[in-house]
Every structure is written in C-alpha cells, then in structure tokens.
Amino acid sequence: MSGSQVTVRHFTPADIPAFRDLNLAWIERYFEVETKDRQMLDDPDSHIAAKGGRILLADLDGETVGTVALIPMAELGVIELAKMAVREGLRGHGIGQALMAAAKIEAQAMGGEQIWIETHNSLETAMNLYLKSGFRLLEADEWSPTPYSRCNTQLILKL
C-alpha cells in the first residue's frame, strides 16, 4: 500500500459485480446472506438508486477495493449508510476512512442532516470506524425497525 492512493468515485452499472462481491465476502464470512441483502446486491438500481440513493466505490491502483451505499430513509433528512465493505486484507489502511469521509459529503449533498447505520457489534473494525467518525450508539428505544436478523446495533451521526 505504500505509495498507493485511494480514490473514491460514483458507481456505474459496470460496478454491480464489485459491489455485490465485496459485500457478499464479508456477509458470508460472518453471517447468513438474507433476502434484503440479495435484493440490494443483485439489483442496486431498484433498491438504492430508485429510492434516491447513491453508491460510492473506493479504488486502489485501478482496482475496486471498497464500497458504501447511501439511501434516504422515510424520516426527512436521515440517510442510511449501508453495504459498506472493504476487501479483506486491506482493512485498516484508510480505505474505510476515505469511504466514510466521502459518504458524509455525499449525504449532505443529498440533503441529509443525519446518517444512520445498523450493524452487528462483533464487526470490530467497522464499529471502530463508526465511533471514530463521530457516530453514537442508539439506545434500544431509539431504534428503527430492521429487516436483518444479524443487526444488534444502530448508530447515528448528526452532520
């Protein structure tokens, strides 16, 4: 990684395999792939773009190594950060930080006042990134409903 620079860019239809594969890699490693995962990963146009969402990708030396989706929620001004992934073996090298910085800017451009995340607390690298980025843990009575059985943690960041 020495001398390499991470660039973050917008998703194109040609990026569907990278978006899907990067996310399936971490989901399959730690959890079961759920129906909502399949829908979003197989058809990001319908499940992200059509809802006013956006996908960002991180490239390193011309190869896509990370991704994150931003999806407007029903609550006005709240943007869900979803399907964030960094290739195994490259975590801890600033790729997630680059994606998060770009996601904050993109969420504001989308009219977001807050970014909301749901995750599992066993994903230590992700949890550390979220907390270092200024997210706070939500109490159970603040939670939004989740379609994922694996999610046991929700966080929010005021922009």
C-alpha atoms as a PDB file:
ATOM      1  CA  MET A   1       0.000   0.000   0.000  1.00  0.00           C
ATOM      2  CA  SER A   2       2.956   2.308   0.429  1.00  0.00           C
ATOM      3  CA  GLY A   3       2.749   4.972  -2.252  1.00  0.00           C
ATOM      4  CA  SER A   4      -0.736   3.891  -3.298  1.00  0.00           C
ATOM      5  CA  GLN A   5      -3.607   6.339  -3.148  1.00  0.00           C
ATOM      6  CA  VAL A   6      -7.248   5.556  -2.558  1.00  0.00           C
ATOM      7  CA  THR A   7      -9.724   7.353  -4.788  1.00  0.00           C
ATOM      8  CA  VAL A   8     -13.467   7.400  -4.174  1.00  0.00           C
ATOM      9  CA  ARG A   9     -15.859   7.656  -7.098  1.00  0.00           C
ATOM     10  CA  HIS A  10     -19.521   7.216  -8.006  1.00  0.00           C
ATOM     11  CA  PHE A  11     -20.998   3.868  -9.008  1.00  0.00           C
ATOM     12  CA  THR A  12     -21.662   2.923 -12.634  1.00  0.00           C
ATOM     13  CA  PRO A  13     -23.669  -0.095 -13.873  1.00  0.00           C
ATOM     14  CA  ALA A  14     -20.372  -1.856 -14.646  1.00  0.00           C
ATOM     15  CA  ASP A  15     -19.654  -1.818 -10.880  1.00  0.00           C
ATOM     16  CA  ILE A  16     -22.524  -4.157  -9.942  1.00  0.00           C
ATOM     17  CA  PRO A  17     -20.231  -7.245  -9.692  1.00  0.00           C
ATOM     18  CA  ALA A  18     -17.712  -5.427  -7.467  1.00  0.00           C
ATOM     19  CA  PHE A  19     -20.484  -4.000  -5.254  1.00  0.00           C
ATOM     20  CA  ARG A  20     -22.066  -7.442  -4.905  1.00  0.00           C
ATOM     21  CA  ASP A  21     -18.847  -9.425  -4.419  1.00  0.00           C
ATOM     22  CA  LEU A  22     -17.245  -7.085  -1.867  1.00  0.00           C
ATOM     23  CA  ASN A  23     -20.392  -7.217   0.255  1.00  0.00           C
ATOM     24  CA  LEU A  24     -21.013 -10.939  -0.118  1.00  0.00           C
ATOM     25  CA  ALA A  25     -17.440 -11.596   1.045  1.00  0.00           C
ATOM     26  CA  TRP A  26     -17.977 -10.077   4.488  1.00  0.00           C
ATOM     27  CA  ILE A  27     -21.598 -11.151   4.890  1.00  0.00           C
ATOM     28  CA  GLU A  28     -20.829 -14.790   4.048  1.00  0.00           C
ATOM     29  CA  ARG A  29     -17.771 -14.771   6.299  1.00  0.00           C
ATOM     30  CA  TYR A  30     -19.620 -13.614   9.407  1.00  0.00           C
ATOM     31  CA  PHE A  31     -23.352 -14.156   8.819  1.00  0.00           C
ATOM     32  CA  GLU A  32     -26.019 -15.642   6.568  1.00  0.00           C
ATOM     33  CA  VAL A  33     -26.967 -13.798   3.382  1.00  0.00           C
ATOM     34  CA  GLU A  34     -30.526 -12.585   3.904  1.00  0.00           C
ATOM     35  CA  THR A  35     -33.303 -11.760   1.437  1.00  0.00           C
ATOM     36  CA  LYS A  36     -32.790  -7.991   1.799  1.00  0.00           C
ATOM     37  CA  ASP A  37     -29.050  -8.473   1.070  1.00  0.00           C
ATOM     38  CA  ARG A  38     -29.790 -10.351  -2.155  1.00  0.00           C
ATOM     39  CA  GLN A  39     -32.304  -7.770  -3.310  1.00  0.00           C
ATOM     40  CA  MET A  40     -29.956  -4.844  -2.743  1.00  0.00           C
ATOM     41  CA  LEU A  41     -26.827  -6.543  -4.094  1.00  0.00           C
ATOM     42  CA  ASP A  42     -28.448  -8.085  -7.169  1.00  0.00           C
ATOM     43  CA  ASP A  43     -30.463  -5.005  -8.144  1.00  0.00           C
ATOM     44  CA  PRO A  44     -28.949  -1.816  -6.715  1.00  0.00           C
ATOM     45  CA  ASP A  45     -30.832   0.282  -9.273  1.00  0.00           C
ATOM     46  CA  SER A  46     -34.230  -0.668  -7.828  1.00  0.00           C
ATOM     47  CA  HIS A  47     -33.223  -0.899  -4.172  1.00  0.00           C
ATOM     48  CA  ILE A  48     -30.827   2.055  -3.915  1.00  0.00           C
ATOM     49  CA  ALA A  49     -30.810   4.396  -6.943  1.00  0.00           C
ATOM     50  CA  ALA A  50     -34.595   4.380  -7.480  1.00  0.00           C
ATOM     51  CA  LYS A  51     -35.022   5.470  -3.854  1.00  0.00           C
ATOM     52  CA  GLY A  52     -32.752   8.463  -4.423  1.00  0.00           C
ATOM     53  CA  GLY A  53     -29.714   6.644  -3.067  1.00  0.00           C
ATOM     54  CA  ARG A  54     -26.144   6.598  -4.229  1.00  0.00           C
ATOM     55  CA  ILE A  55     -23.244   4.166  -4.172  1.00  0.00           C
ATOM     56  CA  LEU A  56     -19.608   5.128  -3.793  1.00  0.00           C
ATOM     57  CA  LEU A  57     -16.628   2.928  -4.597  1.00  0.00           C
ATOM     58  CA  ALA A  58     -13.028   3.087  -3.431  1.00  0.00           C
ATOM     59  CA  ASP A  59     -10.324   2.257  -5.956  1.00  0.00           C
ATOM     60  CA  LEU A  60      -6.715   1.439  -5.187  1.00  0.00           C
ATOM     61  CA  ASP A  61      -4.222   1.131  -8.033  1.00  0.00           C
ATOM     62  CA  GLY A  62      -7.096   0.862 -10.526  1.00  0.00           C
ATOM     63  CA  GLU A  63      -8.912  -1.897  -8.648  1.00  0.00           C
ATOM     64  CA  THR A  64     -12.184  -1.510  -6.721  1.00  0.00           C
ATOM     65  CA  VAL A  65     -11.472  -2.414  -3.091  1.00  0.00           C
ATOM     66  CA  GLY A  66     -14.354  -0.844  -1.158  1.00  0.00           C
ATOM     67  CA  THR A  67     -17.905   0.341  -1.404  1.00  0.00           C
ATOM     68  CA  VAL A  68     -20.695   2.051   0.527  1.00  0.00           C
ATOM     69  CA  ALA A  69     -24.335   2.847  -0.244  1.00  0.00           C
ATOM     70  CA  LEU A  70     -26.340   5.851   0.941  1.00  0.00           C
ATOM     71  CA  ILE A  71     -30.128   5.537   0.979  1.00  0.00           C
ATOM     72  CA  PRO A  72     -32.648   8.197   2.061  1.00  0.00           C
ATOM     73  CA  MET A  73     -34.887   6.936   4.858  1.00  0.00           C
ATOM     74  CA  ALA A  74     -38.545   7.734   5.482  1.00  0.00           C
ATOM     75  CA  GLU A  75     -37.531  10.273   8.146  1.00  0.00           C
ATOM     76  CA  LEU A  76     -36.736  13.534   6.374  1.00  0.00           C
ATOM     77  CA  GLY A  77     -33.041  14.347   6.456  1.00  0.00           C
ATOM     78  CA  VAL A  78     -31.899  10.878   7.548  1.00  0.00           C
ATOM     79  CA  ILE A  79     -29.622   8.921   5.222  1.00  0.00           C
ATOM     80  CA  GLU A  80     -28.900   5.239   5.814  1.00  0.00           C
ATOM     81  CA  LEU A  81     -25.297   4.181   5.316  1.00  0.00           C
ATOM     82  CA  ALA A  82     -25.487   0.582   4.067  1.00  0.00           C
ATOM     83  CA  LYS A  83     -23.440  -2.138   2.403  1.00  0.00           C
ATOM     84  CA  MET A  84     -20.086  -0.729   3.439  1.00  0.00           C
ATOM     85  CA  ALA A  85     -17.295  -3.127   2.592  1.00  0.00           C
ATOM     86  CA  VAL A  86     -13.517  -3.106   2.261  1.00  0.00           C
ATOM     87  CA  ARG A  87     -11.654  -6.026   0.753  1.00  0.00           C
ATOM     88  CA  GLU A  88     -10.235  -8.480   3.300  1.00  0.00           C
ATOM     89  CA  GLY A  89      -6.523  -7.895   3.786  1.00  0.00           C
ATOM     90  CA  LEU A  90      -6.846  -4.171   3.042  1.00  0.00           C
ATOM     91  CA  ARG A  91      -8.801  -3.218   6.155  1.00  0.00           C
ATOM     92  CA  GLY A  92      -7.022  -0.832   8.488  1.00  0.00           C
ATOM     93  CA  HIS A  93      -5.254   1.002   5.649  1.00  0.00           C
ATOM     94  CA  GLY A  94      -7.507   4.075   5.384  1.00  0.00           C
ATOM     95  CA  ILE A  95      -9.917   2.790   2.735  1.00  0.00           C
ATOM     96  CA  GLY A  96     -12.867   2.771   5.129  1.00  0.00           C
ATOM     97  CA  GLN A  97     -11.922   6.253   6.338  1.00  0.00           C
ATOM     98  CA  ALA A  98     -11.802   7.521   2.747  1.00  0.00           C
ATOM     99  CA  LEU A  99     -15.216   5.997   2.044  1.00  0.00           C
ATOM    100  CA  MET A 100     -16.661   7.439   5.259  1.00  0.00           C
ATOM    101  CA  ALA A 101     -15.334  10.941   4.524  1.00  0.00           C
ATOM    102  CA  ALA A 102     -16.823  10.813   1.020  1.00  0.00           C
ATOM    103  CA  ALA A 103     -20.088   9.358   2.372  1.00  0.00           C
ATOM    104  CA  LYS A 104     -20.504  12.277   4.781  1.00  0.00           C
ATOM    105  CA  ILE A 105     -20.042  14.782   1.961  1.00  0.00           C
ATOM    106  CA  GLU A 106     -22.401  12.825  -0.305  1.00  0.00           C
ATOM    107  CA  ALA A 107     -25.058  12.518   2.419  1.00  0.00           C
ATOM    108  CA  GLN A 108     -25.008  16.286   2.922  1.00  0.00           C
ATOM    109  CA  ALA A 109     -25.308  16.794  -0.845  1.00  0.00           C
ATOM    110  CA  MET A 110     -28.372  14.526  -0.705  1.00  0.00           C
ATOM    111  CA  GLY A 111     -29.955  16.809   1.899  1.00  0.00           C
ATOM    112  CA  GLY A 112     -29.011  14.624   4.830  1.00  0.00           C
ATOM    113  CA  GLU A 113     -28.854  16.021   8.335  1.00  0.00           C
ATOM    114  CA  GLN A 114     -28.054  12.668   9.919  1.00  0.00           C
ATOM    115  CA  ILE A 115     -26.516   9.358   8.854  1.00  0.00           C
ATOM    116  CA  TRP A 116     -27.973   6.181  10.382  1.00  0.00           C
ATOM    117  CA  ILE A 117     -26.312   2.754  10.422  1.00  0.00           C
ATOM    118  CA  GLU A 118     -27.366  -0.683  11.570  1.00  0.00           C
ATOM    119  CA  THR A 119     -24.724  -3.356  12.100  1.00  0.00           C
ATOM    120  CA  HIS A 120     -23.529  -6.105  14.419  1.00  0.00           C
ATOM    121  CA  ASN A 121     -21.295  -5.186  17.325  1.00  0.00           C
ATOM    122  CA  SER A 122     -18.937  -8.107  16.588  1.00  0.00           C
ATOM    123  CA  LEU A 123     -17.663  -6.287  13.474  1.00  0.00           C
ATOM    124  CA  GLU A 124     -14.912  -4.553  15.457  1.00  0.00           C
ATOM    125  CA  THR A 125     -13.142  -2.808  12.574  1.00  0.00           C
ATOM    126  CA  ALA A 126     -16.434  -1.333  11.333  1.00  0.00           C
ATOM    127  CA  MET A 127     -17.551  -0.359  14.843  1.00  0.00           C
ATOM    128  CA  ASN A 128     -14.220   1.387  15.486  1.00  0.00           C
ATOM    129  CA  LEU A 129     -14.549   3.302  12.205  1.00  0.00           C
ATOM    130  CA  TYR A 130     -18.098   4.408  13.004  1.00  0.00           C
ATOM    131  CA  LEU A 131     -17.269   5.543  16.527  1.00  0.00           C
ATOM    132  CA  LYS A 132     -14.063   7.332  15.408  1.00  0.00           C
ATOM    133  CA  SER A 133     -16.151   9.061  12.722  1.00  0.00           C
ATOM    134  CA  GLY A 134     -18.443  10.573  15.348  1.00  0.00           C
ATOM    135  CA  PHE A 135     -21.390   8.164  15.344  1.00  0.00           C
ATOM    136  CA  ARG A 136     -23.134   7.490  18.635  1.00  0.00           C
ATOM    137  CA  LEU A 137     -24.810   4.265  19.665  1.00  0.00           C
ATOM    138  CA  LEU A 138     -28.596   4.397  19.786  1.00  0.00           C
ATOM    139  CA  GLU A 139     -30.464   3.086  22.790  1.00  0.00           C
ATOM    140  CA  ALA A 140     -32.943   0.281  22.062  1.00  0.00           C
ATOM    141  CA  ASP A 141     -35.912   2.656  22.411  1.00  0.00           C
ATOM    142  CA  GLU A 142     -34.436   4.866  19.629  1.00  0.00           C
ATOM    143  CA  TRP A 143     -34.106   2.022  17.123  1.00  0.00           C
ATOM    144  CA  SER A 144     -35.725   1.911  13.707  1.00  0.00           C
ATOM    145  CA  PRO A 145     -37.175  -1.422  12.552  1.00  0.00           C
ATOM    146  CA  THR A 146     -34.654  -3.670  10.774  1.00  0.00           C
ATOM    147  CA  PRO A 147     -35.164  -6.335   8.107  1.00  0.00           C
ATOM    148  CA  TYR A 148     -31.903  -8.054   9.158  1.00  0.00           C
ATOM    149  CA  SER A 149     -31.749 -10.738  11.823  1.00  0.00           C
ATOM    150  CA  ARG A 150     -27.996 -10.110  12.266  1.00  0.00           C
ATOM    151  CA  CYS A 151     -28.271  -6.451  13.300  1.00  0.00           C
ATOM    152  CA  ASN A 152     -27.918  -5.835  17.027  1.00  0.00           C
ATOM    153  CA  THR A 153     -26.550  -2.280  16.947  1.00  0.00           C
ATOM    154  CA  GLN A 154     -27.728   1.010  15.476  1.00  0.00           C
ATOM    155  CA  LEU A 155     -25.792   4.267  15.338  1.00  0.00           C
ATOM    156  CA  ILE A 156     -26.446   7.840  14.249  1.00  0.00           C
ATOM    157  CA  LEU A 157     -24.295  10.785  13.221  1.00  0.00           C
ATOM    158  CA  LYS A 158     -25.521  14.376  13.071  1.00  0.00           C
ATOM    159  CA  LEU A 159     -23.984  16.140  10.075  1.00  0.00           C
END
